[in-house]
Amino acid sequence: MTAPRSTPKPDPAITIHCTTCGSEDVRRDASVAWNAELQTWEIVTVFDNADCEECGGEASLTEREIVA
């Protein structure tokens, strides 16, 4: 599978964490569409639901600023 197109980087830079356990091993569901011209999958929509691989279930997510 081809990597999805890039999205603008937030400023300041952030990491995304599970609010329950603090893990960064989190996922979001998305819908993608095939772009025949570019020969790649493109993200159409990112859904609200999130999962934490560490907790093993649905999760709420929080952003943390990366401090240099």
N, C-alpha and C. Protein backbone atom coordinates (compact mmCIF):
# COMPACT_ATOMS: atom_id res chain seq x y z
N MET A 1 0.84 -1.18 0.00
CA MET A 1 0.00 0.00 0.00
C MET A 1 0.88 1.23 0.00
N THR A 2 0.50 2.21 -0.77
CA THR A 2 1.23 3.46 -0.86
C THR A 2 0.89 4.36 0.32
N ALA A 3 1.85 5.09 0.79
CA ALA A 3 1.63 6.00 1.92
C ALA A 3 0.63 7.08 1.54
N PRO A 4 -0.22 7.49 2.48
CA PRO A 4 -1.18 8.56 2.19
C PRO A 4 -0.47 9.88 1.98
N ARG A 5 -1.16 10.80 1.33
CA ARG A 5 -0.57 12.12 1.10
C ARG A 5 -0.29 12.80 2.43
N SER A 6 0.68 13.66 2.43
CA SER A 6 1.05 14.31 3.67
C SER A 6 0.05 15.42 4.01
N THR A 7 -0.06 15.71 5.28
CA THR A 7 -0.91 16.79 5.75
C THR A 7 -0.03 17.86 6.36
N PRO A 8 -0.52 19.07 6.44
CA PRO A 8 0.29 20.15 7.02
C PRO A 8 0.70 19.80 8.45
N LYS A 9 1.93 20.15 8.82
CA LYS A 9 2.41 19.89 10.17
C LYS A 9 1.87 20.96 11.12
N PRO A 10 1.41 20.52 12.31
CA PRO A 10 0.96 21.51 13.29
C PRO A 10 2.13 22.32 13.83
N ASP A 11 1.86 23.52 14.25
CA ASP A 11 2.88 24.36 14.84
C ASP A 11 2.36 24.87 16.17
N PRO A 12 2.88 24.47 17.27
CA PRO A 12 4.10 23.70 17.47
C PRO A 12 3.86 22.21 17.19
N ALA A 13 4.97 21.45 17.06
CA ALA A 13 4.88 20.01 16.83
C ALA A 13 4.24 19.33 18.04
N ILE A 14 3.48 18.26 17.77
CA ILE A 14 2.76 17.56 18.84
C ILE A 14 2.93 16.05 18.72
N THR A 15 2.60 15.36 19.79
CA THR A 15 2.40 13.92 19.77
C THR A 15 0.97 13.68 20.23
N ILE A 16 0.41 12.53 19.84
CA ILE A 16 -0.96 12.19 20.20
C ILE A 16 -0.92 11.01 21.17
N HIS A 17 -1.68 11.10 22.27
CA HIS A 17 -1.63 10.10 23.33
C HIS A 17 -3.03 9.65 23.74
N CYS A 18 -3.11 8.44 24.25
CA CYS A 18 -4.33 7.92 24.88
C CYS A 18 -4.49 8.63 26.23
N THR A 19 -5.68 9.13 26.51
CA THR A 19 -5.89 9.82 27.78
C THR A 19 -5.93 8.86 28.97
N THR A 20 -6.16 7.57 28.72
CA THR A 20 -6.23 6.59 29.80
C THR A 20 -4.85 6.15 30.26
N CYS A 21 -4.00 5.72 29.31
CA CYS A 21 -2.70 5.15 29.70
C CYS A 21 -1.50 6.00 29.28
N GLY A 22 -1.72 7.00 28.42
CA GLY A 22 -0.63 7.87 27.98
C GLY A 22 0.14 7.36 26.78
N SER A 23 -0.21 6.18 26.27
CA SER A 23 0.51 5.59 25.14
C SER A 23 0.35 6.42 23.87
N GLU A 24 1.39 6.40 23.04
CA GLU A 24 1.33 7.01 21.71
C GLU A 24 0.92 5.99 20.65
N ASP A 25 0.71 4.74 21.04
CA ASP A 25 0.35 3.68 20.10
C ASP A 25 -1.16 3.69 19.88
N VAL A 26 -1.62 4.75 19.21
CA VAL A 26 -3.05 4.97 18.99
C VAL A 26 -3.37 4.97 17.50
N ARG A 27 -4.64 4.71 17.18
CA ARG A 27 -5.10 4.62 15.79
C ARG A 27 -6.40 5.38 15.62
N ARG A 28 -6.62 5.85 14.38
CA ARG A 28 -7.90 6.44 13.98
C ARG A 28 -8.35 5.73 12.72
N ASP A 29 -9.65 5.56 12.55
CA ASP A 29 -10.20 5.02 11.31
C ASP A 29 -10.31 6.12 10.28
N ALA A 30 -10.18 5.75 9.01
CA ALA A 30 -10.27 6.73 7.93
C ALA A 30 -10.88 6.08 6.69
N SER A 31 -11.38 6.91 5.83
CA SER A 31 -11.86 6.48 4.53
C SER A 31 -10.88 6.98 3.48
N VAL A 32 -10.51 6.12 2.53
CA VAL A 32 -9.57 6.50 1.49
C VAL A 32 -10.17 6.25 0.12
N ALA A 33 -9.66 6.95 -0.87
CA ALA A 33 -10.10 6.78 -2.26
C ALA A 33 -8.88 6.63 -3.15
N TRP A 34 -9.00 5.79 -4.16
CA TRP A 34 -7.89 5.57 -5.08
C TRP A 34 -7.81 6.71 -6.07
N ASN A 35 -6.61 7.29 -6.23
CA ASN A 35 -6.37 8.34 -7.22
C ASN A 35 -5.60 7.68 -8.36
N ALA A 36 -6.31 7.42 -9.48
CA ALA A 36 -5.71 6.71 -10.61
C ALA A 36 -4.60 7.52 -11.27
N GLU A 37 -4.73 8.84 -11.27
CA GLU A 37 -3.71 9.68 -11.88
C GLU A 37 -2.40 9.62 -11.11
N LEU A 38 -2.47 9.69 -9.78
CA LEU A 38 -1.27 9.66 -8.95
C LEU A 38 -0.86 8.24 -8.55
N GLN A 39 -1.75 7.27 -8.80
CA GLN A 39 -1.50 5.87 -8.44
C GLN A 39 -1.21 5.71 -6.96
N THR A 40 -2.10 6.29 -6.15
CA THR A 40 -1.95 6.21 -4.70
C THR A 40 -3.31 6.35 -4.02
N TRP A 41 -3.37 5.88 -2.79
CA TRP A 41 -4.57 6.09 -1.96
C TRP A 41 -4.49 7.47 -1.34
N GLU A 42 -5.61 8.16 -1.28
CA GLU A 42 -5.69 9.48 -0.65
C GLU A 42 -6.74 9.46 0.45
N ILE A 43 -6.41 10.04 1.58
CA ILE A 43 -7.35 10.10 2.69
C ILE A 43 -8.48 11.06 2.33
N VAL A 44 -9.70 10.57 2.48
CA VAL A 44 -10.89 11.38 2.21
C VAL A 44 -11.44 11.95 3.51
N THR A 45 -11.56 11.08 4.52
CA THR A 45 -12.12 11.46 5.81
C THR A 45 -11.41 10.71 6.92
N VAL A 46 -11.12 11.39 8.03
CA VAL A 46 -10.63 10.73 9.24
C VAL A 46 -11.79 10.76 10.23
N PHE A 47 -12.18 9.58 10.70
CA PHE A 47 -13.34 9.47 11.57
C PHE A 47 -12.99 9.82 13.02
N ASP A 48 -14.00 10.10 13.82
CA ASP A 48 -13.82 10.52 15.21
C ASP A 48 -13.33 9.39 16.12
N ASN A 49 -13.75 8.15 15.85
CA ASN A 49 -13.39 7.04 16.73
C ASN A 49 -11.88 6.83 16.76
N ALA A 50 -11.38 6.49 17.94
CA ALA A 50 -9.95 6.21 18.12
C ALA A 50 -9.79 4.96 18.97
N ASP A 51 -8.69 4.26 18.75
CA ASP A 51 -8.37 3.06 19.52
C ASP A 51 -6.95 3.17 20.05
N CYS A 52 -6.73 2.56 21.21
CA CYS A 52 -5.39 2.49 21.80
C CYS A 52 -4.94 1.04 21.77
N GLU A 53 -3.80 0.78 21.14
CA GLU A 53 -3.27 -0.57 21.07
C GLU A 53 -2.80 -1.05 22.44
N GLU A 54 -2.36 -0.15 23.30
CA GLU A 54 -1.88 -0.51 24.64
C GLU A 54 -3.06 -0.91 25.53
N CYS A 55 -4.14 -0.12 25.52
CA CYS A 55 -5.32 -0.41 26.33
C CYS A 55 -6.18 -1.51 25.71
N GLY A 56 -6.10 -1.62 24.38
CA GLY A 56 -6.86 -2.65 23.69
C GLY A 56 -8.30 -2.29 23.41
N GLY A 57 -8.62 -1.03 23.31
CA GLY A 57 -10.00 -0.66 23.03
C GLY A 57 -10.14 0.79 22.62
N GLU A 58 -11.40 1.25 22.64
CA GLU A 58 -11.68 2.65 22.28
C GLU A 58 -10.95 3.59 23.21
N ALA A 59 -10.58 4.74 22.67
CA ALA A 59 -9.80 5.69 23.47
C ALA A 59 -10.19 7.12 23.15
N SER A 60 -9.98 7.97 24.12
CA SER A 60 -10.00 9.41 23.89
C SER A 60 -8.55 9.81 23.70
N LEU A 61 -8.32 10.78 22.82
CA LEU A 61 -6.95 11.18 22.52
C LEU A 61 -6.68 12.59 22.99
N THR A 62 -5.42 12.86 23.30
CA THR A 62 -5.00 14.18 23.70
C THR A 62 -3.70 14.53 22.99
N GLU A 63 -3.50 15.80 22.74
CA GLU A 63 -2.29 16.28 22.09
C GLU A 63 -1.31 16.80 23.15
N ARG A 64 -0.02 16.52 22.93
CA ARG A 64 1.01 17.05 23.82
C ARG A 64 2.06 17.75 22.95
N GLU A 65 2.40 18.95 23.31
CA GLU A 65 3.42 19.70 22.57
C GLU A 65 4.78 19.07 22.79
N ILE A 66 5.56 18.96 21.71
CA ILE A 66 6.93 18.46 21.81
C ILE A 66 7.82 19.64 22.21
N VAL A 67 8.44 19.52 23.35
CA VAL A 67 9.29 20.59 23.86
C VAL A 67 10.74 20.22 23.51
N ALA A 68 11.42 21.14 22.82
CA ALA A 68 12.79 20.86 22.38
C ALA A 68 13.78 20.98 23.51
